[in-house]
Amino acid sequence: MTRVLVIDDSGTMRKIQKNVLTTLGVTEVVEAENGQEAILRMKEHQFDFKLVLCDWNMPIMDGITFLQKIRSVPQLKALPVVMVTTEGEKSKVVEAIQAGANGYIVKPFTPDSLKARLTEYLGTT
């Protein structure tokens, strides 16, 4: 089973990402509206995720804070996390990578471009 966590405060954006992930063979997409909820979902699934897609700007806990928290947990250091966000400035990309992001996708994106970027993390074609 391939389980992916999608964190975004926009239900529409989560649905778009879920649809793309399904076409890539992901069997289960777990959704969260913010970083705090995402940590709860991770615990519920014993941290058994192949990939995390995370927005930057969210209420309660933003994406960078979420990244910093999970990177402090030894068993989550290697979990691929891709930021999917409207924050496109080079300084923001650098900040996310320094916080532990493995990849960075700027919104808006097309489903095909998202699919192409995610294949490297999911090992699909």
PDB file of N, CA and C in Angstrom:
ATOM      1  N   MET A   1       0.843  -1.187   0.000  1.00  0.00           N
ATOM      2  CA  MET A   1       0.000   0.000   0.000  1.00  0.00           C
ATOM      3  C   MET A   1       0.887   1.249   0.000  1.00  0.00           C
ATOM      4  N   THR A   2       0.474   2.210  -0.787  1.00  0.00           N
ATOM      5  CA  THR A   2       1.172   3.487  -0.831  1.00  0.00           C
ATOM      6  C   THR A   2       0.276   4.544  -0.221  1.00  0.00           C
ATOM      7  N   ARG A   3       0.729   5.118   0.904  1.00  0.00           N
ATOM      8  CA  ARG A   3      -0.061   6.124   1.612  1.00  0.00           C
ATOM      9  C   ARG A   3       0.670   7.470   1.537  1.00  0.00           C
ATOM     10  N   VAL A   4      -0.077   8.512   1.141  1.00  0.00           N
ATOM     11  CA  VAL A   4       0.480   9.861   1.029  1.00  0.00           C
ATOM     12  C   VAL A   4      -0.373  10.806   1.869  1.00  0.00           C
ATOM     13  N   LEU A   5       0.286  11.742   2.529  1.00  0.00           N
ATOM     14  CA  LEU A   5      -0.385  12.755   3.335  1.00  0.00           C
ATOM     15  C   LEU A   5      -0.397  14.069   2.561  1.00  0.00           C
ATOM     16  N   VAL A   6      -1.591  14.652   2.402  1.00  0.00           N
ATOM     17  CA  VAL A   6      -1.746  15.937   1.728  1.00  0.00           C
ATOM     18  C   VAL A   6      -2.226  16.954   2.758  1.00  0.00           C
ATOM     19  N   ILE A   7      -1.430  18.011   2.950  1.00  0.00           N
ATOM     20  CA  ILE A   7      -1.748  19.031   3.953  1.00  0.00           C
ATOM     21  C   ILE A   7      -1.986  20.357   3.240  1.00  0.00           C
ATOM     22  N   ASP A   8      -3.209  20.838   3.309  1.00  0.00           N
ATOM     23  CA  ASP A   8      -3.550  22.121   2.675  1.00  0.00           C
ATOM     24  C   ASP A   8      -4.864  22.592   3.278  1.00  0.00           C
ATOM     25  N   ASP A   9      -4.976  23.893   3.556  1.00  0.00           N
ATOM     26  CA  ASP A   9      -6.214  24.395   4.130  1.00  0.00           C
ATOM     27  C   ASP A   9      -7.318  24.554   3.090  1.00  0.00           C
ATOM     28  N   SER A  10      -6.998  24.374   1.815  1.00  0.00           N
ATOM     29  CA  SER A  10      -7.993  24.435   0.745  1.00  0.00           C
ATOM     30  C   SER A  10      -8.464  23.027   0.376  1.00  0.00           C
ATOM     31  N   GLY A  11      -9.756  22.775   0.586  1.00  0.00           N
ATOM     32  CA  GLY A  11     -10.311  21.476   0.223  1.00  0.00           C
ATOM     33  C   GLY A  11     -10.199  21.206  -1.268  1.00  0.00           C
ATOM     34  N   THR A  12     -10.345  22.239  -2.072  1.00  0.00           N
ATOM     35  CA  THR A  12     -10.215  22.092  -3.529  1.00  0.00           C
ATOM     36  C   THR A  12      -8.799  21.666  -3.895  1.00  0.00           C
ATOM     37  N   MET A  13      -7.812  22.294  -3.289  1.00  0.00           N
ATOM     38  CA  MET A  13      -6.421  21.949  -3.584  1.00  0.00           C
ATOM     39  C   MET A  13      -6.111  20.517  -3.135  1.00  0.00           C
ATOM     40  N   ARG A  14      -6.644  20.104  -1.991  1.00  0.00           N
ATOM     41  CA  ARG A  14      -6.428  18.723  -1.542  1.00  0.00           C
ATOM     42  C   ARG A  14      -7.046  17.747  -2.543  1.00  0.00           C
ATOM     43  N   LYS A  15      -8.226  18.075  -3.056  1.00  0.00           N
ATOM     44  CA  LYS A  15      -8.902  17.199  -4.018  1.00  0.00           C
ATOM     45  C   LYS A  15      -8.098  17.081  -5.309  1.00  0.00           C
ATOM     46  N   ILE A  16      -7.577  18.188  -5.813  1.00  0.00           N
ATOM     47  CA  ILE A  16      -6.753  18.163  -7.034  1.00  0.00           C
ATOM     48  C   ILE A  16      -5.537  17.271  -6.825  1.00  0.00           C
ATOM     49  N   GLN A  17      -4.848  17.462  -5.707  1.00  0.00           N
ATOM     50  CA  GLN A  17      -3.657  16.662  -5.429  1.00  0.00           C
ATOM     51  C   GLN A  17      -4.015  15.187  -5.267  1.00  0.00           C
ATOM     52  N   LYS A  18      -5.125  14.914  -4.596  1.00  0.00           N
ATOM     53  CA  LYS A  18      -5.573  13.530  -4.402  1.00  0.00           C
ATOM     54  C   LYS A  18      -5.849  12.864  -5.743  1.00  0.00           C
ATOM     55  N   ASN A  19      -6.509  13.586  -6.661  1.00  0.00           N
ATOM     56  CA  ASN A  19      -6.796  13.028  -7.979  1.00  0.00           C
ATOM     57  C   ASN A  19      -5.516  12.683  -8.733  1.00  0.00           C
ATOM     58  N   VAL A  20      -4.536  13.563  -8.688  1.00  0.00           N
ATOM     59  CA  VAL A  20      -3.254  13.301  -9.360  1.00  0.00           C
ATOM     60  C   VAL A  20      -2.559  12.099  -8.716  1.00  0.00           C
ATOM     61  N   LEU A  21      -2.545  12.054  -7.400  1.00  0.00           N
ATOM     62  CA  LEU A  21      -1.894  10.940  -6.700  1.00  0.00           C
ATOM     63  C   LEU A  21      -2.552   9.604  -7.045  1.00  0.00           C
ATOM     64  N   THR A  22      -3.864   9.605  -7.170  1.00  0.00           N
ATOM     65  CA  THR A  22      -4.579   8.377  -7.521  1.00  0.00           C
ATOM     66  C   THR A  22      -4.156   7.876  -8.901  1.00  0.00           C
ATOM     67  N   THR A  23      -3.962   8.808  -9.853  1.00  0.00           N
ATOM     68  CA  THR A  23      -3.521   8.395 -11.193  1.00  0.00           C
ATOM     69  C   THR A  23      -2.101   7.829 -11.160  1.00  0.00           C
ATOM     70  N   LEU A  24      -1.361   8.152 -10.120  1.00  0.00           N
ATOM     71  CA  LEU A  24       0.007   7.638  -9.975  1.00  0.00           C
ATOM     72  C   LEU A  24       0.056   6.320  -9.198  1.00  0.00           C
ATOM     73  N   GLY A  25      -1.107   5.787  -8.849  1.00  0.00           N
ATOM     74  CA  GLY A  25      -1.155   4.500  -8.165  1.00  0.00           C
ATOM     75  C   GLY A  25      -1.137   4.563  -6.658  1.00  0.00           C
ATOM     76  N   VAL A  26      -1.267   5.758  -6.088  1.00  0.00           N
ATOM     77  CA  VAL A  26      -1.335   5.879  -4.630  1.00  0.00           C
ATOM     78  C   VAL A  26      -2.651   5.263  -4.167  1.00  0.00           C
ATOM     79  N   THR A  27      -2.569   4.353  -3.213  1.00  0.00           N
ATOM     80  CA  THR A  27      -3.757   3.627  -2.776  1.00  0.00           C
ATOM     81  C   THR A  27      -4.528   4.337  -1.661  1.00  0.00           C
ATOM     82  N   GLU A  28      -3.849   5.189  -0.903  1.00  0.00           N
ATOM     83  CA  GLU A  28      -4.534   5.905   0.174  1.00  0.00           C
ATOM     84  C   GLU A  28      -3.968   7.309   0.314  1.00  0.00           C
ATOM     85  N   VAL A  29      -4.863   8.302   0.261  1.00  0.00           N
ATOM     86  CA  VAL A  29      -4.477   9.691   0.485  1.00  0.00           C
ATOM     87  C   VAL A  29      -5.139  10.139   1.778  1.00  0.00           C
ATOM     88  N   VAL A  30      -4.321  10.539   2.736  1.00  0.00           N
ATOM     89  CA  VAL A  30      -4.801  11.048   4.021  1.00  0.00           C
ATOM     90  C   VAL A  30      -4.717  12.567   3.942  1.00  0.00           C
ATOM     91  N   GLU A  31      -5.775  13.251   4.345  1.00  0.00           N
ATOM     92  CA  GLU A  31      -5.829  14.701   4.237  1.00  0.00           C
ATOM     93  C   GLU A  31      -5.789  15.369   5.605  1.00  0.00           C
ATOM     94  N   ALA A  32      -5.180  16.573   5.620  1.00  0.00           N
ATOM     95  CA  ALA A  32      -5.162  17.405   6.818  1.00  0.00           C
ATOM     96  C   ALA A  32      -5.256  18.865   6.386  1.00  0.00           C
ATOM     97  N   GLU A  33      -5.899  19.684   7.224  1.00  0.00           N
ATOM     98  CA  GLU A  33      -6.102  21.099   6.902  1.00  0.00           C
ATOM     99  C   GLU A  33      -4.986  22.002   7.393  1.00  0.00           C
ATOM    100  N   ASN A  34      -4.117  21.497   8.266  1.00  0.00           N
ATOM    101  CA  ASN A  34      -3.011  22.303   8.781  1.00  0.00           C
ATOM    102  C   ASN A  34      -1.965  21.361   9.389  1.00  0.00           C
ATOM    103  N   GLY A  35      -0.829  21.921   9.751  1.00  0.00           N
ATOM    104  CA  GLY A  35       0.262  21.109  10.283  1.00  0.00           C
ATOM    105  C   GLY A  35      -0.076  20.364  11.555  1.00  0.00           C
ATOM    106  N   GLN A  36      -0.828  20.991  12.430  1.00  0.00           N
ATOM    107  CA  GLN A  36      -1.190  20.335  13.690  1.00  0.00           C
ATOM    108  C   GLN A  36      -2.056  19.101  13.422  1.00  0.00           C
ATOM    109  N   GLU A  37      -3.056  19.244  12.555  1.00  0.00           N
ATOM    110  CA  GLU A  37      -3.904  18.108  12.200  1.00  0.00           C
ATOM    111  C   GLU A  37      -3.076  17.032  11.493  1.00  0.00           C
ATOM    112  N   ALA A  38      -2.115  17.463  10.687  1.00  0.00           N
ATOM    113  CA  ALA A  38      -1.260  16.512   9.964  1.00  0.00           C
ATOM    114  C   ALA A  38      -0.461  15.635  10.927  1.00  0.00           C
ATOM    115  N   ILE A  39       0.059  16.223  11.986  1.00  0.00           N
ATOM    116  CA  ILE A  39       0.817  15.446  12.976  1.00  0.00           C
ATOM    117  C   ILE A  39      -0.094  14.400  13.629  1.00  0.00           C
ATOM    118  N   LEU A  40      -1.322  14.775  13.910  1.00  0.00           N
ATOM    119  CA  LEU A  40      -2.284  13.811  14.463  1.00  0.00           C
ATOM    120  C   LEU A  40      -2.535  12.672  13.475  1.00  0.00           C
ATOM    121  N   ARG A  41      -2.724  13.000  12.191  1.00  0.00           N
ATOM    122  CA  ARG A  41      -2.953  11.967  11.171  1.00  0.00           C
ATOM    123  C   ARG A  41      -1.730  11.046  11.048  1.00  0.00           C
ATOM    124  N   MET A  42      -0.551  11.618  11.154  1.00  0.00           N
ATOM    125  CA  MET A  42       0.677  10.814  11.068  1.00  0.00           C
ATOM    126  C   MET A  42       0.732   9.816  12.220  1.00  0.00           C
ATOM    127  N   LYS A  43       0.392  10.271  13.410  1.00  0.00           N
ATOM    128  CA  LYS A  43       0.400   9.378  14.573  1.00  0.00           C
ATOM    129  C   LYS A  43      -0.640   8.276  14.421  1.00  0.00           C
ATOM    130  N   GLU A  44      -1.828   8.634  13.901  1.00  0.00           N
ATOM    131  CA  GLU A  44      -2.890   7.634  13.699  1.00  0.00           C
ATOM    132  C   GLU A  44      -2.440   6.508  12.772  1.00  0.00           C
ATOM    133  N   HIS A  45      -1.586   6.834  11.824  1.00  0.00           N
ATOM    134  CA  HIS A  45      -1.116   5.850  10.831  1.00  0.00           C
ATOM    135  C   HIS A  45       0.313   5.382  11.131  1.00  0.00           C
ATOM    136  N   GLN A  46       0.745   5.518  12.368  1.00  0.00           N
ATOM    137  CA  GLN A  46       2.070   5.091  12.811  1.00  0.00           C
ATOM    138  C   GLN A  46       3.184   5.611  11.891  1.00  0.00           C
ATOM    139  N   PHE A  47       3.013   6.826  11.396  1.00  0.00           N
ATOM    140  CA  PHE A  47       4.021   7.492  10.560  1.00  0.00           C
ATOM    141  C   PHE A  47       4.327   6.718   9.278  1.00  0.00           C
ATOM    142  N   ASP A  48       3.378   5.876   8.843  1.00  0.00           N
ATOM    143  CA  ASP A  48       3.594   5.029   7.666  1.00  0.00           C
ATOM    144  C   ASP A  48       3.141   5.743   6.393  1.00  0.00           C
ATOM    145  N   PHE A  49       3.958   6.684   5.941  1.00  0.00           N
ATOM    146  CA  PHE A  49       3.673   7.436   4.724  1.00  0.00           C
ATOM    147  C   PHE A  49       4.875   7.357   3.793  1.00  0.00           C
ATOM    148  N   LYS A  50       4.594   7.320   2.496  1.00  0.00           N
ATOM    149  CA  LYS A  50       5.668   7.296   1.508  1.00  0.00           C
ATOM    150  C   LYS A  50       6.064   8.710   1.109  1.00  0.00           C
ATOM    151  N   LEU A  51       5.124   9.659   1.258  1.00  0.00           N
ATOM    152  CA  LEU A  51       5.346  11.031   0.806  1.00  0.00           C
ATOM    153  C   LEU A  51       4.375  11.958   1.524  1.00  0.00           C
ATOM    154  N   VAL A  52       4.811  13.220   1.729  1.00  0.00           N
ATOM    155  CA  VAL A  52       3.949  14.259   2.279  1.00  0.00           C
ATOM    156  C   VAL A  52       3.983  15.448   1.324  1.00  0.00           C
ATOM    157  N   LEU A  53       2.796  15.947   0.960  1.00  0.00           N
ATOM    158  CA  LEU A  53       2.666  17.187   0.203  1.00  0.00           C
ATOM    159  C   LEU A  53       2.133  18.225   1.170  1.00  0.00           C
ATOM    160  N   CYS A  54       2.819  19.359   1.276  1.00  0.00           N
ATOM    161  CA  CYS A  54       2.491  20.313   2.334  1.00  0.00           C
ATOM    162  C   CYS A  54       2.448  21.746   1.820  1.00  0.00           C
ATOM    163  N   ASP A  55       1.348  22.430   2.109  1.00  0.00           N
ATOM    164  CA  ASP A  55       1.221  23.856   1.814  1.00  0.00           C
ATOM    165  C   ASP A  55       2.067  24.631   2.828  1.00  0.00           C
ATOM    166  N   TRP A  56       2.358  25.871   2.526  1.00  0.00           N
ATOM    167  CA  TRP A  56       3.117  26.731   3.434  1.00  0.00           C
ATOM    168  C   TRP A  56       2.170  27.508   4.346  1.00  0.00           C
ATOM    169  N   ASN A  57       1.249  28.254   3.736  1.00  0.00           N
ATOM    170  CA  ASN A  57       0.383  29.172   4.480  1.00  0.00           C
ATOM    171  C   ASN A  57      -0.907  28.484   4.908  1.00  0.00           C
ATOM    172  N   MET A  58      -0.971  28.146   6.192  1.00  0.00           N
ATOM    173  CA  MET A  58      -2.155  27.500   6.755  1.00  0.00           C
ATOM    174  C   MET A  58      -2.386  28.034   8.162  1.00  0.00           C
ATOM    175  N   PRO A  59      -3.650  28.020   8.617  1.00  0.00           N
ATOM    176  CA  PRO A  59      -3.918  28.439  10.000  1.00  0.00           C
ATOM    177  C   PRO A  59      -3.415  27.393  10.998  1.00  0.00           C
ATOM    178  N   ILE A  60      -3.322  27.778  12.233  1.00  0.00           N
ATOM    179  CA  ILE A  60      -2.953  26.943  13.379  1.00  0.00           C
ATOM    180  C   ILE A  60      -1.480  26.549  13.344  1.00  0.00           C
ATOM    181  N   MET A  61      -1.046  25.811  12.309  1.00  0.00           N
ATOM    182  CA  MET A  61       0.372  25.478  12.162  1.00  0.00           C
ATOM    183  C   MET A  61       0.723  25.505  10.683  1.00  0.00           C
ATOM    184  N   ASP A  62       1.659  26.386  10.322  1.00  0.00           N
ATOM    185  CA  ASP A  62       2.037  26.498   8.910  1.00  0.00           C
ATOM    186  C   ASP A  62       2.982  25.369   8.492  1.00  0.00           C
ATOM    187  N   GLY A  63       3.259  25.319   7.208  1.00  0.00           N
ATOM    188  CA  GLY A  63       4.058  24.232   6.657  1.00  0.00           C
ATOM    189  C   GLY A  63       5.496  24.191   7.147  1.00  0.00           C
ATOM    190  N   ILE A  64       6.099  25.345   7.347  1.00  0.00           N
ATOM    191  CA  ILE A  64       7.495  25.370   7.814  1.00  0.00           C
ATOM    192  C   ILE A  64       7.578  24.860   9.250  1.00  0.00           C
ATOM    193  N   THR A  65       6.666  25.280  10.097  1.00  0.00           N
ATOM    194  CA  THR A  65       6.647  24.789  11.480  1.00  0.00           C
ATOM    195  C   THR A  65       6.418  23.278  11.497  1.00  0.00           C
ATOM    196  N   PHE A  66       5.502  22.802  10.650  1.00  0.00           N
ATOM    197  CA  PHE A  66       5.256  21.359  10.532  1.00  0.00           C
ATOM    198  C   PHE A  66       6.550  20.635  10.149  1.00  0.00           C
ATOM    199  N   LEU A  67       7.235  21.146   9.140  1.00  0.00           N
ATOM    200  CA  LEU A  67       8.498  20.535   8.702  1.00  0.00           C
ATOM    201  C   LEU A  67       9.515  20.461   9.843  1.00  0.00           C
ATOM    202  N   GLN A  68       9.676  21.568  10.541  1.00  0.00           N
ATOM    203  CA  GLN A  68      10.640  21.608  11.649  1.00  0.00           C
ATOM    204  C   GLN A  68      10.281  20.588  12.729  1.00  0.00           C
ATOM    205  N   LYS A  69       9.005  20.446  13.015  1.00  0.00           N
ATOM    206  CA  LYS A  69       8.580  19.493  14.044  1.00  0.00           C
ATOM    207  C   LYS A  69       8.835  18.052  13.619  1.00  0.00           C
ATOM    208  N   ILE A  70       8.471  17.690  12.380  1.00  0.00           N
ATOM    209  CA  ILE A  70       8.657  16.290  11.986  1.00  0.00           C
ATOM    210  C   ILE A  70      10.128  15.958  11.757  1.00  0.00           C
ATOM    211  N   ARG A  71      10.916  16.924  11.346  1.00  0.00           N
ATOM    212  CA  ARG A  71      12.350  16.651  11.134  1.00  0.00           C
ATOM    213  C   ARG A  71      13.090  16.434  12.451  1.00  0.00           C
ATOM    214  N   SER A  72      12.476  16.806  13.568  1.00  0.00           N
ATOM    215  CA  SER A  72      13.092  16.567  14.873  1.00  0.00           C
ATOM    216  C   SER A  72      12.806  15.155  15.380  1.00  0.00           C
ATOM    217  N   VAL A  73      11.960  14.399  14.662  1.00  0.00           N
ATOM    218  CA  VAL A  73      11.628  13.017  15.022  1.00  0.00           C
ATOM    219  C   VAL A  73      12.508  12.088  14.187  1.00  0.00           C
ATOM    220  N   PRO A  74      13.396  11.313  14.834  1.00  0.00           N
ATOM    221  CA  PRO A  74      14.354  10.500  14.086  1.00  0.00           C
ATOM    222  C   PRO A  74      13.745   9.634  12.979  1.00  0.00           C
ATOM    223  N   GLN A  75      12.608   8.984  13.248  1.00  0.00           N
ATOM    224  CA  GLN A  75      12.037   8.093  12.235  1.00  0.00           C
ATOM    225  C   GLN A  75      11.419   8.839  11.054  1.00  0.00           C
ATOM    226  N   LEU A  76      11.319  10.173  11.138  1.00  0.00           N
ATOM    227  CA  LEU A  76      10.717  10.953  10.047  1.00  0.00           C
ATOM    228  C   LEU A  76      11.739  11.774   9.260  1.00  0.00           C
ATOM    229  N   LYS A  77      13.010  11.684   9.630  1.00  0.00           N
ATOM    230  CA  LYS A  77      14.037  12.476   8.947  1.00  0.00           C
ATOM    231  C   LYS A  77      14.137  12.149   7.462  1.00  0.00           C
ATOM    232  N   ALA A  78      13.885  10.908   7.080  1.00  0.00           N
ATOM    233  CA  ALA A  78      14.030  10.498   5.681  1.00  0.00           C
ATOM    234  C   ALA A  78      12.720  10.559   4.894  1.00  0.00           C
ATOM    235  N   LEU A  79      11.610  10.889   5.536  1.00  0.00           N
ATOM    236  CA  LEU A  79      10.318  10.949   4.859  1.00  0.00           C
ATOM    237  C   LEU A  79      10.319  12.103   3.852  1.00  0.00           C
ATOM    238  N   PRO A  80      10.083  11.827   2.564  1.00  0.00           N
ATOM    239  CA  PRO A  80      10.062  12.911   1.577  1.00  0.00           C
ATOM    240  C   PRO A  80       8.889  13.860   1.811  1.00  0.00           C
ATOM    241  N   VAL A  81       9.200  15.149   1.869  1.00  0.00           N
ATOM    242  CA  VAL A  81       8.183  16.187   2.018  1.00  0.00           C
ATOM    243  C   VAL A  81       8.366  17.184   0.881  1.00  0.00           C
ATOM    244  N   VAL A  82       7.299  17.386   0.119  1.00  0.00           N
ATOM    245  CA  VAL A  82       7.324  18.347  -0.983  1.00  0.00           C
ATOM    246  C   VAL A  82       6.389  19.492  -0.630  1.00  0.00           C
ATOM    247  N   MET A  83       6.923  20.697  -0.635  1.00  0.00           N
ATOM    248  CA  MET A  83       6.096  21.877  -0.406  1.00  0.00           C
ATOM    249  C   MET A  83       5.329  22.165  -1.691  1.00  0.00           C
ATOM    250  N   VAL A  84       4.020  22.390  -1.575  1.00  0.00           N
ATOM    251  CA  VAL A  84       3.160  22.758  -2.703  1.00  0.00           C
ATOM    252  C   VAL A  84       2.490  24.060  -2.279  1.00  0.00           C
ATOM    253  N   THR A  85       2.984  25.189  -2.795  1.00  0.00           N
ATOM    254  CA  THR A  85       2.618  26.471  -2.217  1.00  0.00           C
ATOM    255  C   THR A  85       2.632  27.605  -3.238  1.00  0.00           C
ATOM    256  N   THR A  86       1.996  28.704  -2.889  1.00  0.00           N
ATOM    257  CA  THR A  86       2.039  29.899  -3.729  1.00  0.00           C
ATOM    258  C   THR A  86       3.304  30.712  -3.488  1.00  0.00           C
ATOM    259  N   GLU A  87       4.055  30.369  -2.462  1.00  0.00           N
ATOM    260  CA  GLU A  87       5.284  31.096  -2.130  1.00  0.00           C
ATOM    261  C   GLU A  87       6.378  30.734  -3.134  1.00  0.00           C
ATOM    262  N   GLY A  88       6.569  31.583  -4.142  1.00  0.00           N
ATOM    263  CA  GLY A  88       7.498  31.257  -5.211  1.00  0.00           C
ATOM    264  C   GLY A  88       8.827  31.982  -5.168  1.00  0.00           C
ATOM    265  N   GLU A  89       9.021  32.879  -4.207  1.00  0.00           N
ATOM    266  CA  GLU A  89      10.280  33.623  -4.134  1.00  0.00           C
ATOM    267  C   GLU A  89      11.445  32.690  -3.793  1.00  0.00           C
ATOM    268  N   LYS A  90      12.596  32.979  -4.376  1.00  0.00           N
ATOM    269  CA  LYS A  90      13.774  32.134  -4.163  1.00  0.00           C
ATOM    270  C   LYS A  90      14.103  32.007  -2.672  1.00  0.00           C
ATOM    271  N   SER A  91      13.955  33.087  -1.918  1.00  0.00           N
ATOM    272  CA  SER A  91      14.266  33.033  -0.487  1.00  0.00           C
ATOM    273  C   SER A  91      13.350  32.058   0.252  1.00  0.00           C
ATOM    274  N   LYS A  92      12.105  31.956  -0.197  1.00  0.00           N
ATOM    275  CA  LYS A  92      11.159  31.018   0.426  1.00  0.00           C
ATOM    276  C   LYS A  92      11.530  29.576   0.099  1.00  0.00           C
ATOM    277  N   VAL A  93      11.937  29.343  -1.143  1.00  0.00           N
ATOM    278  CA  VAL A  93      12.377  28.001  -1.537  1.00  0.00           C
ATOM    279  C   VAL A  93      13.571  27.589  -0.673  1.00  0.00           C
ATOM    280  N   VAL A  94      14.526  28.477  -0.525  1.00  0.00           N
ATOM    281  CA  VAL A  94      15.715  28.201   0.296  1.00  0.00           C
ATOM    282  C   VAL A  94      15.312  27.928   1.738  1.00  0.00           C
ATOM    283  N   GLU A  95      14.409  28.736   2.283  1.00  0.00           N
ATOM    284  CA  GLU A  95      13.949  28.549   3.661  1.00  0.00           C
ATOM    285  C   GLU A  95      13.316  27.173   3.846  1.00  0.00           C
ATOM    286  N   ALA A  96      12.488  26.765   2.881  1.00  0.00           N
ATOM    287  CA  ALA A  96      11.823  25.463   2.971  1.00  0.00           C
ATOM    288  C   ALA A  96      12.829  24.319   2.898  1.00  0.00           C
ATOM    289  N   ILE A  97      13.778  24.411   1.995  1.00  0.00           N
ATOM    290  CA  ILE A  97      14.805  23.360   1.862  1.00  0.00           C
ATOM    291  C   ILE A  97      15.631  23.283   3.153  1.00  0.00           C
ATOM    292  N   GLN A  98      15.978  24.438   3.699  1.00  0.00           N
ATOM    293  CA  GLN A  98      16.741  24.455   4.957  1.00  0.00           C
ATOM    294  C   GLN A  98      15.930  23.865   6.109  1.00  0.00           C
ATOM    295  N   ALA A  99      14.613  24.001   6.060  1.00  0.00           N
ATOM    296  CA  ALA A  99      13.756  23.448   7.120  1.00  0.00           C
ATOM    297  C   ALA A  99      13.546  21.941   6.947  1.00  0.00           C
ATOM    298  N   GLY A 100      13.945  21.416   5.786  1.00  0.00           N
ATOM    299  CA  GLY A 100      13.846  19.976   5.595  1.00  0.00           C
ATOM    300  C   GLY A 100      13.000  19.514   4.423  1.00  0.00           C
ATOM    301  N   ALA A 101      12.518  20.438   3.582  1.00  0.00           N
ATOM    302  CA  ALA A 101      11.739  20.035   2.409  1.00  0.00           C
ATOM    303  C   ALA A 101      12.651  19.338   1.400  1.00  0.00           C
ATOM    304  N   ASN A 102      12.112  18.315   0.751  1.00  0.00           N
ATOM    305  CA  ASN A 102      12.860  17.596  -0.275  1.00  0.00           C
ATOM    306  C   ASN A 102      12.587  18.152  -1.669  1.00  0.00           C
ATOM    307  N   GLY A 103      11.449  18.825  -1.817  1.00  0.00           N
ATOM    308  CA  GLY A 103      11.079  19.378  -3.108  1.00  0.00           C
ATOM    309  C   GLY A 103      10.155  20.558  -2.928  1.00  0.00           C
ATOM    310  N   TYR A 104       9.896  21.254  -4.047  1.00  0.00           N
ATOM    311  CA  TYR A 104       9.129  22.496  -3.965  1.00  0.00           C
ATOM    312  C   TYR A 104       8.359  22.676  -5.257  1.00  0.00           C
ATOM    313  N   ILE A 105       7.046  22.800  -5.167  1.00  0.00           N
ATOM    314  CA  ILE A 105       6.187  23.007  -6.330  1.00  0.00           C
ATOM    315  C   ILE A 105       5.386  24.279  -6.081  1.00  0.00           C
ATOM    316  N   VAL A 106       5.436  25.202  -7.034  1.00  0.00           N
ATOM    317  CA  VAL A 106       4.736  26.472  -6.880  1.00  0.00           C
ATOM    318  C   VAL A 106       3.351  26.384  -7.522  1.00  0.00           C
ATOM    319  N   LYS A 107       2.343  26.824  -6.768  1.00  0.00           N
ATOM    320  CA  LYS A 107       0.980  26.929  -7.282  1.00  0.00           C
ATOM    321  C   LYS A 107       0.872  28.226  -8.078  1.00  0.00           C
ATOM    322  N   PRO A 108       0.057  28.306  -9.112  1.00  0.00           N
ATOM    323  CA  PRO A 108      -0.738  27.209  -9.645  1.00  0.00           C
ATOM    324  C   PRO A 108       0.121  26.266 -10.486  1.00  0.00           C
ATOM    325  N   PHE A 109      -0.324  25.038 -10.566  1.00  0.00           N
ATOM    326  CA  PHE A 109       0.360  24.027 -11.375  1.00  0.00           C
ATOM    327  C   PHE A 109      -0.713  23.305 -12.174  1.00  0.00           C
ATOM    328  N   THR A 110      -0.301  22.608 -13.203  1.00  0.00           N
ATOM    329  CA  THR A 110      -1.253  21.780 -13.939  1.00  0.00           C
ATOM    330  C   THR A 110      -1.175  20.374 -13.357  1.00  0.00           C
ATOM    331  N   PRO A 111      -2.243  19.603 -13.452  1.00  0.00           N
ATOM    332  CA  PRO A 111      -2.174  18.218 -12.972  1.00  0.00           C
ATOM    333  C   PRO A 111      -1.010  17.442 -13.613  1.00  0.00           C
ATOM    334  N   ASP A 112      -0.756  17.681 -14.902  1.00  0.00           N
ATOM    335  CA  ASP A 112       0.345  16.977 -15.566  1.00  0.00           C
ATOM    336  C   ASP A 112       1.700  17.360 -14.999  1.00  0.00           C
ATOM    337  N   SER A 113       1.892  18.650 -14.694  1.00  0.00           N
ATOM    338  CA  SER A 113       3.184  19.064 -14.129  1.00  0.00           C
ATOM    339  C   SER A 113       3.360  18.513 -12.716  1.00  0.00           C
ATOM    340  N   LEU A 114       2.276  18.464 -11.950  1.00  0.00           N
ATOM    341  CA  LEU A 114       2.346  17.874 -10.604  1.00  0.00           C
ATOM    342  C   LEU A 114       2.681  16.388 -10.717  1.00  0.00           C
ATOM    343  N   LYS A 115       2.013  15.719 -11.611  1.00  0.00           N
ATOM    344  CA  LYS A 115       2.255  14.284 -11.823  1.00  0.00           C
ATOM    345  C   LYS A 115       3.717  14.037 -12.174  1.00  0.00           C
ATOM    346  N   ALA A 116       4.244  14.843 -13.079  1.00  0.00           N
ATOM    347  CA  ALA A 116       5.639  14.674 -13.499  1.00  0.00           C
ATOM    348  C   ALA A 116       6.606  14.859 -12.328  1.00  0.00           C
ATOM    349  N   ARG A 117       6.339  15.832 -11.476  1.00  0.00           N
ATOM    350  CA  ARG A 117       7.226  16.114 -10.339  1.00  0.00           C
ATOM    351  C   ARG A 117       7.139  15.027  -9.262  1.00  0.00           C
ATOM    352  N   LEU A 118       5.950  14.436  -9.099  1.00  0.00           N
ATOM    353  CA  LEU A 118       5.762  13.472  -8.013  1.00  0.00           C
ATOM    354  C   LEU A 118       6.257  12.073  -8.367  1.00  0.00           C
ATOM    355  N   THR A 119       6.409  11.765  -9.647  1.00  0.00           N
ATOM    356  CA  THR A 119       6.853  10.433 -10.020  1.00  0.00           C
ATOM    357  C   THR A 119       8.210  10.102  -9.424  1.00  0.00           C
ATOM    358  N   GLU A 120       9.079  11.111  -9.294  1.00  0.00           N
ATOM    359  CA  GLU A 120      10.411  10.843  -8.736  1.00  0.00           C
ATOM    360  C   GLU A 120      10.343  10.414  -7.265  1.00  0.00           C
ATOM    361  N   TYR A 121       9.338  10.872  -6.553  1.00  0.00           N
ATOM    362  CA  TYR A 121       9.208  10.511  -5.145  1.00  0.00           C
ATOM    363  C   TYR A 121       8.457   9.199  -4.935  1.00  0.00           C
ATOM    364  N   LEU A 122       7.575   8.891  -5.889  1.00  0.00           N
ATOM    365  CA  LEU A 122       6.753   7.692  -5.745  1.00  0.00           C
ATOM    366  C   LEU A 122       7.301   6.509  -6.536  1.00  0.00           C
ATOM    367  N   GLY A 123       8.284   6.766  -7.393  1.00  0.00           N
ATOM    368  CA  GLY A 123       8.882   5.686  -8.172  1.00  0.00           C
ATOM    369  C   GLY A 123       7.955   5.124  -9.220  1.00  0.00           C
ATOM    370  N   THR A 124       7.070   5.990  -9.745  1.00  0.00           N
ATOM    371  CA  THR A 124       6.140   5.562 -10.786  1.00  0.00           C
ATOM    372  C   THR A 124       6.435   6.312 -12.063  1.00  0.00           C
ATOM    373  N   THR A 125       5.848   5.863 -13.153  1.00  0.00           N
ATOM    374  CA  THR A 125       6.055   6.536 -14.435  1.00  0.00           C
ATOM    375  C   THR A 125       4.746   7.049 -14.998  1.00  0.00           C
TER     376      THR A 125
END
